Amino acid sequence: MSDTSRTPDTRTPAQIEADIKTRRATLADTLDEIGVRVHPKTIVGDAKAKVASNIDHTLGRAYVGVNRVVGDVKGQFVTEEGAPRLGRIVPVALVAVGLVGLLVVGTQRRKG
C-alpha cells in the first residue's frame, strides 16, 4: 500500500538546506532544554523547591490549627465583648499556683 496522495517536493535545494538548518537549530534548542532539565543541579533545585512548598503548606495548616485552638481557649476565658470571665480564670489560676507550690516544695525536699 503506497501513499499516492503525496505531492512531490517542489522545494529548491536552497529551500531544503534552509529547512534543514532551521530544524537543526530547533533540535539543538530542544536538546539544550532537555540538558538543563536533567542536569543534577536543576533536579536538586526542583526537589528543594517542592520540599519548601510542602513545608510552607504544612506550616500554613499548622498555623491555622494553632490559631483555631488559641481562639477556642481564649473564648473560654474572655467573653465575646472582650471582658475576662473571672469565674473561669480564678480557678485555673489557683490550680496553677498550687502546682507551682507543689513543685517548689518537692524541689526543696530533694535539696534538704
Protein backbone atom coordinates (compact mmCIF):
# COMPACT_ATOMS: atom_id res chain seq x y z
CA MET A 1 0.00 0.00 0.00
CA SER A 2 1.78 3.09 -1.15
CA ASP A 3 0.59 6.58 -0.38
CA THR A 4 -0.35 8.07 -3.73
CA SER A 5 -1.82 11.24 -2.20
CA ARG A 6 1.63 12.72 -1.53
CA THR A 7 2.63 15.60 -3.69
CA PRO A 8 6.17 15.77 -4.99
CA ASP A 9 8.58 18.04 -3.13
CA THR A 10 8.87 21.19 -5.19
CA ARG A 11 11.35 22.97 -2.95
CA THR A 12 14.64 24.10 -4.33
CA PRO A 13 17.88 22.75 -2.89
CA ALA A 14 18.44 26.11 -1.18
CA GLN A 15 15.00 25.89 0.47
CA ILE A 16 15.70 22.33 1.61
CA GLU A 17 19.05 23.44 3.09
CA ALA A 18 17.33 26.34 4.87
CA ASP A 19 14.69 23.95 6.29
CA ILE A 20 17.44 21.60 7.46
CA LYS A 21 19.28 24.50 9.18
CA THR A 22 16.04 25.60 10.86
CA ARG A 23 15.28 22.08 12.06
CA ARG A 24 18.84 21.64 13.32
CA ALA A 25 18.58 24.89 15.30
CA THR A 26 15.22 23.84 16.73
CA LEU A 27 16.62 20.41 17.62
CA ALA A 28 19.68 22.00 19.24
CA ASP A 29 17.44 24.26 21.34
CA THR A 30 15.32 21.28 22.36
CA LEU A 31 18.39 19.25 23.32
CA ASP A 32 19.77 22.19 25.31
CA GLU A 33 16.47 22.48 27.18
CA ILE A 34 16.45 18.75 27.90
CA GLY A 35 20.05 19.01 29.12
CA VAL A 36 19.08 21.78 31.52
CA ARG A 37 16.06 19.84 32.79
CA VAL A 38 18.02 16.66 33.52
CA HIS A 39 21.09 18.43 34.95
CA PRO A 40 21.66 17.36 38.57
CA LYS A 41 21.60 20.97 39.82
CA THR A 42 18.22 21.52 38.18
CA ILE A 43 16.82 18.31 39.64
CA VAL A 44 18.11 19.21 43.12
CA GLY A 45 16.75 22.74 42.79
CA ASP A 46 13.34 21.44 41.74
CA ALA A 47 13.33 18.96 44.64
CA LYS A 48 14.26 21.72 47.10
CA ALA A 49 11.51 23.95 45.76
CA LYS A 50 8.97 21.14 46.10
CA VAL A 51 10.05 20.39 49.68
CA ALA A 52 9.93 24.09 50.58
CA SER A 53 6.45 24.32 49.09
CA ASN A 54 5.29 21.29 51.07
CA ILE A 55 6.78 22.72 54.27
CA ASP A 56 5.09 26.07 53.65
CA HIS A 57 1.79 24.27 53.09
CA THR A 58 2.22 22.19 56.25
CA LEU A 59 3.23 25.21 58.32
CA GLY A 60 0.24 27.12 56.99
CA ARG A 61 -2.10 24.32 58.01
CA ALA A 62 -0.42 24.11 61.44
CA TYR A 63 -0.76 27.87 61.89
CA VAL A 64 -4.47 27.71 61.10
CA GLY A 65 -4.91 24.81 63.53
CA VAL A 66 -3.00 26.51 66.35
CA ASN A 67 -4.82 29.76 65.70
CA ARG A 68 -8.14 27.92 65.99
CA VAL A 69 -7.10 26.27 69.29
CA VAL A 70 -5.87 29.57 70.72
CA GLY A 71 -9.15 31.18 69.72
CA ASP A 72 -11.10 28.37 71.39
CA VAL A 73 -9.06 28.66 74.60
CA LYS A 74 -9.36 32.43 74.57
CA GLY A 75 -13.11 32.04 74.15
CA GLN A 76 -13.18 30.04 77.39
CA PHE A 77 -11.62 32.88 79.39
CA VAL A 78 -12.86 36.02 77.60
CA THR A 79 -16.40 37.00 76.62
CA GLU A 80 -17.27 38.00 73.08
CA GLU A 81 -17.09 41.63 74.21
CA GLY A 82 -13.52 41.08 75.44
CA ALA A 83 -14.28 41.10 79.17
CA PRO A 84 -12.46 38.47 81.28
CA ARG A 85 -14.55 35.58 82.64
CA LEU A 86 -13.36 35.65 86.24
CA GLY A 87 -15.45 32.60 87.11
CA ARG A 88 -13.15 30.57 84.84
CA ILE A 89 -9.88 32.45 85.26
CA VAL A 90 -9.70 32.35 89.07
CA PRO A 91 -9.97 28.54 89.44
CA VAL A 92 -7.38 27.94 86.71
CA ALA A 93 -5.03 30.48 88.30
CA LEU A 94 -5.45 28.82 91.72
CA VAL A 95 -4.67 25.40 90.27
CA ALA A 96 -1.58 26.81 88.52
CA VAL A 97 -0.36 28.46 91.74
CA GLY A 98 -0.96 25.20 93.61
CA LEU A 99 1.06 23.19 91.07
CA VAL A 100 3.94 25.66 91.20
CA GLY A 101 3.83 25.50 95.01
CA LEU A 102 3.99 21.70 94.94
CA LEU A 103 6.94 21.80 92.55
CA VAL A 104 8.80 24.26 94.81
CA VAL A 105 8.16 22.18 97.93
CA GLY A 106 9.21 19.00 96.11
CA THR A 107 12.41 20.65 94.90
CA GLN A 108 13.26 21.94 98.38
CA ARG A 109 12.75 18.47 99.92
CA ARG A 110 15.20 16.94 97.44
CA LYS A 111 17.85 19.55 98.21
CA GLY A 112 17.40 19.34 102.00
